Amino acid sequence: MSNKLLSALFAAGFAVMMSSASFAADENLADFHVEMGGCESCHADGEPSADGEFEFEQCQSCHGSLEEMDATHQAHDGMLMCADCHAPHDAVVGEKPTCDTCHDDGRTAE
């Protein structure tokens, strides 16, 4: 199955979940993913890796690579990992970081 089709299916499923009455609006990304397979769904042996690379690979296995995503993600390919922006243990499901989180007045973060 192509990544574009998988992305479309994920987006549709996410939209249904977001509109569901059973969805906890304040649930963080980590709790949401735990429900899909425990800590091992993101971490090898349930423990964080030292460099985050394993977790980054896990994100890409479900969501696709940054290169395969929209222009916002493509611009960061090869420079960032998903958790650099999406902070899975802090971010609320559906919450999107803004450019201002890292960039000031259109300049690259230092």
N, C-alpha and C. Protein backbone atom coordinates (compact mmCIF):
# COMPACT_ATOMS: atom_id res chain seq x y z
N MET A 1 0.85 -1.17 0.00
CA MET A 1 0.00 0.00 0.00
C MET A 1 0.90 1.24 0.00
N SER A 2 0.60 2.23 -0.78
CA SER A 2 1.45 3.41 -0.89
C SER A 2 1.36 4.26 0.37
N ASN A 3 2.43 5.02 0.62
CA ASN A 3 2.44 5.89 1.80
C ASN A 3 1.38 6.97 1.72
N LYS A 4 1.09 7.45 0.50
CA LYS A 4 0.05 8.47 0.36
C LYS A 4 -1.31 7.92 0.75
N LEU A 5 -1.59 6.68 0.35
CA LEU A 5 -2.85 6.05 0.72
C LEU A 5 -2.89 5.81 2.22
N LEU A 6 -1.79 5.34 2.79
CA LEU A 6 -1.74 5.13 4.24
C LEU A 6 -1.94 6.45 4.98
N SER A 7 -1.32 7.52 4.49
CA SER A 7 -1.48 8.83 5.12
C SER A 7 -2.94 9.29 5.05
N ALA A 8 -3.58 9.07 3.90
CA ALA A 8 -4.98 9.45 3.75
C ALA A 8 -5.87 8.65 4.70
N LEU A 9 -5.59 7.36 4.80
CA LEU A 9 -6.37 6.53 5.72
C LEU A 9 -6.15 6.95 7.17
N PHE A 10 -4.91 7.25 7.51
CA PHE A 10 -4.62 7.72 8.87
C PHE A 10 -5.35 9.03 9.14
N ALA A 11 -5.31 9.96 8.20
CA ALA A 11 -5.98 11.25 8.37
C ALA A 11 -7.49 11.07 8.56
N ALA A 12 -8.07 10.18 7.78
CA ALA A 12 -9.51 9.92 7.91
C ALA A 12 -9.82 9.32 9.28
N GLY A 13 -9.01 8.36 9.70
CA GLY A 13 -9.21 7.74 11.01
C GLY A 13 -9.02 8.73 12.12
N PHE A 14 -8.03 9.60 11.98
CA PHE A 14 -7.78 10.63 12.99
C PHE A 14 -8.96 11.59 13.07
N ALA A 15 -9.50 11.97 11.93
CA ALA A 15 -10.65 12.88 11.92
C ALA A 15 -11.85 12.25 12.61
N VAL A 16 -12.09 10.97 12.36
CA VAL A 16 -13.18 10.28 13.03
C VAL A 16 -12.94 10.24 14.53
N MET A 17 -11.70 9.92 14.92
CA MET A 17 -11.37 9.85 16.34
C MET A 17 -11.55 11.20 17.01
N MET A 18 -11.12 12.26 16.36
CA MET A 18 -11.24 13.60 16.94
C MET A 18 -12.69 14.01 17.14
N SER A 19 -13.58 13.50 16.30
CA SER A 19 -14.99 13.87 16.43
C SER A 19 -15.74 12.92 17.35
N SER A 20 -15.07 11.87 17.80
CA SER A 20 -15.70 10.87 18.67
C SER A 20 -15.90 11.42 20.07
N ALA A 21 -17.04 11.12 20.66
CA ALA A 21 -17.35 11.56 22.02
C ALA A 21 -16.44 10.87 23.03
N SER A 22 -15.89 9.70 22.69
CA SER A 22 -15.06 8.96 23.63
C SER A 22 -13.62 9.44 23.65
N PHE A 23 -13.26 10.34 22.75
CA PHE A 23 -11.89 10.84 22.68
C PHE A 23 -11.63 11.82 23.82
N ALA A 24 -10.55 11.59 24.56
CA ALA A 24 -10.18 12.49 25.65
C ALA A 24 -9.41 13.67 25.08
N ALA A 25 -9.99 14.85 25.11
CA ALA A 25 -9.41 16.03 24.49
C ALA A 25 -8.07 16.42 25.11
N ASP A 26 -7.83 16.03 26.35
CA ASP A 26 -6.58 16.41 27.00
C ASP A 26 -5.55 15.28 27.03
N GLU A 27 -5.76 14.24 26.24
CA GLU A 27 -4.86 13.11 26.21
C GLU A 27 -3.57 13.50 25.47
N ASN A 28 -2.41 13.16 26.06
CA ASN A 28 -1.16 13.50 25.37
C ASN A 28 -0.81 12.43 24.35
N LEU A 29 0.13 12.75 23.48
CA LEU A 29 0.49 11.84 22.39
C LEU A 29 0.99 10.49 22.90
N ALA A 30 1.77 10.50 23.98
CA ALA A 30 2.30 9.25 24.52
C ALA A 30 1.17 8.35 25.01
N ASP A 31 0.22 8.90 25.75
CA ASP A 31 -0.91 8.11 26.25
C ASP A 31 -1.72 7.55 25.09
N PHE A 32 -1.92 8.35 24.07
CA PHE A 32 -2.67 7.93 22.89
C PHE A 32 -1.98 6.74 22.22
N HIS A 33 -0.65 6.82 22.07
CA HIS A 33 0.09 5.74 21.42
C HIS A 33 0.19 4.50 22.31
N VAL A 34 0.24 4.67 23.63
CA VAL A 34 0.28 3.52 24.55
C VAL A 34 -0.94 2.64 24.33
N GLU A 35 -2.08 3.27 24.09
CA GLU A 35 -3.32 2.53 23.86
C GLU A 35 -3.23 1.66 22.60
N MET A 36 -2.27 1.97 21.73
CA MET A 36 -2.12 1.23 20.48
C MET A 36 -1.08 0.12 20.58
N GLY A 37 -0.48 -0.10 21.73
CA GLY A 37 0.49 -1.18 21.84
C GLY A 37 1.49 -1.02 22.96
N GLY A 38 1.20 -0.23 23.94
CA GLY A 38 2.12 -0.07 25.05
C GLY A 38 3.29 0.82 24.69
N CYS A 39 4.17 1.00 25.66
CA CYS A 39 5.36 1.84 25.45
C CYS A 39 6.21 1.31 24.31
N GLU A 40 6.13 -0.01 24.08
CA GLU A 40 6.92 -0.64 23.01
C GLU A 40 6.47 -0.20 21.62
N SER A 41 5.32 0.45 21.51
CA SER A 41 4.90 0.94 20.20
C SER A 41 5.82 2.08 19.73
N CYS A 42 6.52 2.71 20.67
CA CYS A 42 7.45 3.78 20.32
C CYS A 42 8.88 3.51 20.78
N HIS A 43 9.03 2.81 21.91
CA HIS A 43 10.35 2.59 22.51
C HIS A 43 10.74 1.12 22.46
N ALA A 44 12.02 0.84 22.11
CA ALA A 44 12.54 -0.53 22.16
C ALA A 44 12.54 -0.98 23.61
N ASP A 45 11.96 -2.13 23.88
CA ASP A 45 11.87 -2.67 25.23
C ASP A 45 11.18 -1.72 26.20
N GLY A 46 10.40 -0.79 25.69
CA GLY A 46 9.66 0.14 26.54
C GLY A 46 10.48 1.25 27.16
N GLU A 47 11.75 1.37 26.78
CA GLU A 47 12.65 2.37 27.34
C GLU A 47 13.11 3.34 26.25
N PRO A 48 13.21 4.64 26.56
CA PRO A 48 13.70 5.61 25.57
C PRO A 48 15.12 5.30 25.12
N SER A 49 15.41 5.52 23.86
CA SER A 49 16.78 5.35 23.35
C SER A 49 17.58 6.60 23.71
N ALA A 50 18.88 6.47 23.71
CA ALA A 50 19.75 7.59 24.09
C ALA A 50 19.68 8.74 23.10
N ASP A 51 19.53 8.42 21.82
CA ASP A 51 19.55 9.47 20.79
C ASP A 51 18.19 9.75 20.14
N GLY A 52 17.17 8.99 20.49
CA GLY A 52 15.84 9.20 19.93
C GLY A 52 15.65 8.63 18.54
N GLU A 53 16.69 8.04 17.98
CA GLU A 53 16.62 7.54 16.60
C GLU A 53 15.61 6.40 16.46
N PHE A 54 15.58 5.47 17.41
CA PHE A 54 14.63 4.36 17.34
C PHE A 54 13.20 4.89 17.33
N GLU A 55 12.91 5.84 18.20
CA GLU A 55 11.57 6.43 18.27
C GLU A 55 11.21 7.14 16.97
N PHE A 56 12.18 7.85 16.39
CA PHE A 56 11.98 8.54 15.12
C PHE A 56 11.61 7.54 14.02
N GLU A 57 12.32 6.40 14.01
CA GLU A 57 12.00 5.35 13.03
C GLU A 57 10.60 4.80 13.26
N GLN A 58 10.18 4.69 14.52
CA GLN A 58 8.84 4.20 14.82
C GLN A 58 7.79 5.18 14.32
N CYS A 59 8.02 6.48 14.50
CA CYS A 59 7.08 7.49 13.99
C CYS A 59 6.92 7.33 12.48
N GLN A 60 8.06 7.21 11.79
CA GLN A 60 8.05 7.11 10.33
C GLN A 60 7.41 5.82 9.84
N SER A 61 7.50 4.75 10.62
CA SER A 61 6.90 3.49 10.19
C SER A 61 5.38 3.59 10.10
N CYS A 62 4.79 4.46 10.89
CA CYS A 62 3.32 4.65 10.85
C CYS A 62 2.91 5.88 10.04
N HIS A 63 3.65 6.96 10.20
CA HIS A 63 3.23 8.24 9.62
C HIS A 63 3.95 8.61 8.33
N GLY A 64 4.99 7.87 7.95
CA GLY A 64 5.78 8.20 6.77
C GLY A 64 6.93 9.12 7.13
N SER A 65 7.86 9.27 6.21
CA SER A 65 9.03 10.12 6.45
C SER A 65 8.65 11.59 6.29
N LEU A 66 9.49 12.46 6.82
CA LEU A 66 9.24 13.90 6.67
C LEU A 66 9.20 14.27 5.19
N GLU A 67 10.04 13.62 4.39
CA GLU A 67 10.09 13.88 2.96
C GLU A 67 8.77 13.55 2.27
N GLU A 68 8.04 12.58 2.81
CA GLU A 68 6.78 12.15 2.21
C GLU A 68 5.57 12.97 2.69
N MET A 69 5.78 13.83 3.67
CA MET A 69 4.67 14.60 4.24
C MET A 69 4.49 15.93 3.53
N ASP A 70 3.72 16.81 4.15
CA ASP A 70 3.43 18.13 3.56
C ASP A 70 4.68 19.01 3.56
N ALA A 71 4.56 20.18 2.93
CA ALA A 71 5.71 21.08 2.75
C ALA A 71 6.33 21.51 4.07
N THR A 72 5.54 21.69 5.10
CA THR A 72 6.07 22.08 6.40
C THR A 72 7.03 21.02 6.92
N HIS A 73 6.64 19.76 6.82
CA HIS A 73 7.49 18.67 7.27
C HIS A 73 8.68 18.48 6.33
N GLN A 74 8.46 18.58 5.03
CA GLN A 74 9.53 18.37 4.05
C GLN A 74 10.69 19.33 4.27
N ALA A 75 10.38 20.56 4.65
CA ALA A 75 11.43 21.57 4.86
C ALA A 75 12.37 21.20 6.01
N HIS A 76 11.95 20.29 6.88
CA HIS A 76 12.76 19.89 8.04
C HIS A 76 13.41 18.52 7.88
N ASP A 77 13.20 17.89 6.72
CA ASP A 77 13.76 16.56 6.47
C ASP A 77 15.29 16.60 6.58
N GLY A 78 15.84 15.67 7.32
CA GLY A 78 17.28 15.60 7.51
C GLY A 78 17.81 16.52 8.59
N MET A 79 16.93 17.37 9.17
CA MET A 79 17.37 18.30 10.21
C MET A 79 16.76 18.01 11.57
N LEU A 80 15.54 17.50 11.58
CA LEU A 80 14.82 17.30 12.83
C LEU A 80 14.22 15.91 12.90
N MET A 81 13.91 15.49 14.12
CA MET A 81 13.14 14.28 14.35
C MET A 81 11.76 14.71 14.83
N CYS A 82 10.79 13.84 14.70
CA CYS A 82 9.41 14.17 15.05
C CYS A 82 9.28 14.77 16.45
N ALA A 83 9.96 14.16 17.43
CA ALA A 83 9.85 14.60 18.82
C ALA A 83 10.46 15.98 19.05
N ASP A 84 11.25 16.49 18.11
CA ASP A 84 11.78 17.84 18.25
C ASP A 84 10.65 18.87 18.25
N CYS A 85 9.58 18.58 17.55
CA CYS A 85 8.45 19.50 17.48
C CYS A 85 7.21 18.99 18.21
N HIS A 86 7.02 17.69 18.22
CA HIS A 86 5.77 17.13 18.72
C HIS A 86 5.80 16.64 20.16
N ALA A 87 6.91 16.70 20.87
CA ALA A 87 7.04 16.40 22.30
C ALA A 87 5.98 15.42 22.80
N PRO A 88 6.13 14.14 22.49
CA PRO A 88 5.07 13.17 22.73
C PRO A 88 4.57 13.04 24.16
N HIS A 89 5.39 13.33 25.15
CA HIS A 89 4.93 13.21 26.53
C HIS A 89 4.32 14.50 27.06
N ASP A 90 4.38 15.57 26.28
CA ASP A 90 3.82 16.85 26.69
C ASP A 90 2.69 17.33 25.80
N ALA A 91 2.82 17.11 24.50
CA ALA A 91 1.85 17.64 23.54
C ALA A 91 0.51 16.92 23.64
N VAL A 92 -0.55 17.66 23.49
CA VAL A 92 -1.90 17.12 23.50
C VAL A 92 -2.24 16.63 22.09
N VAL A 93 -2.94 15.52 22.00
CA VAL A 93 -3.33 14.96 20.72
C VAL A 93 -4.09 16.03 19.92
N GLY A 94 -3.70 16.21 18.68
CA GLY A 94 -4.35 17.19 17.81
C GLY A 94 -3.72 18.57 17.88
N GLU A 95 -2.89 18.82 18.89
CA GLU A 95 -2.22 20.12 19.05
C GLU A 95 -1.05 20.19 18.08
N LYS A 96 -0.98 21.26 17.32
CA LYS A 96 0.09 21.41 16.34
C LYS A 96 1.04 22.52 16.78
N PRO A 97 2.35 22.23 16.75
CA PRO A 97 3.30 23.30 17.06
C PRO A 97 3.23 24.35 15.96
N THR A 98 3.57 25.58 16.29
CA THR A 98 3.58 26.64 15.29
C THR A 98 5.01 26.96 14.90
N CYS A 99 5.18 27.66 13.81
CA CYS A 99 6.52 28.06 13.37
C CYS A 99 7.21 28.88 14.46
N ASP A 100 6.43 29.71 15.18
CA ASP A 100 6.99 30.56 16.22
C ASP A 100 7.58 29.77 17.38
N THR A 101 7.24 28.50 17.48
CA THR A 101 7.81 27.67 18.53
C THR A 101 9.33 27.66 18.40
N CYS A 102 9.84 27.64 17.19
CA CYS A 102 11.29 27.59 16.94
C CYS A 102 11.81 28.78 16.14
N HIS A 103 10.97 29.38 15.33
CA HIS A 103 11.39 30.45 14.43
C HIS A 103 10.85 31.79 14.91
N ASP A 104 11.65 32.83 14.82
CA ASP A 104 11.24 34.17 15.22
C ASP A 104 11.28 35.07 13.99
N ASP A 105 10.15 35.63 13.62
CA ASP A 105 10.07 36.53 12.46
C ASP A 105 10.62 35.91 11.18
N GLY A 106 10.37 34.61 11.00
CA GLY A 106 10.78 33.96 9.77
C GLY A 106 12.24 33.55 9.71
N ARG A 107 12.99 33.83 10.77
CA ARG A 107 14.40 33.45 10.78
C ARG A 107 14.56 32.06 11.36
N THR A 108 15.60 31.40 10.96
CA THR A 108 15.88 30.05 11.48
C THR A 108 16.27 30.14 12.95
N ALA A 109 15.79 29.19 13.72
CA ALA A 109 16.12 29.13 15.15
C ALA A 109 17.62 28.92 15.33
N GLU A 110 18.14 29.50 16.37
CA GLU A 110 19.57 29.34 16.67
C GLU A 110 19.75 28.44 17.84
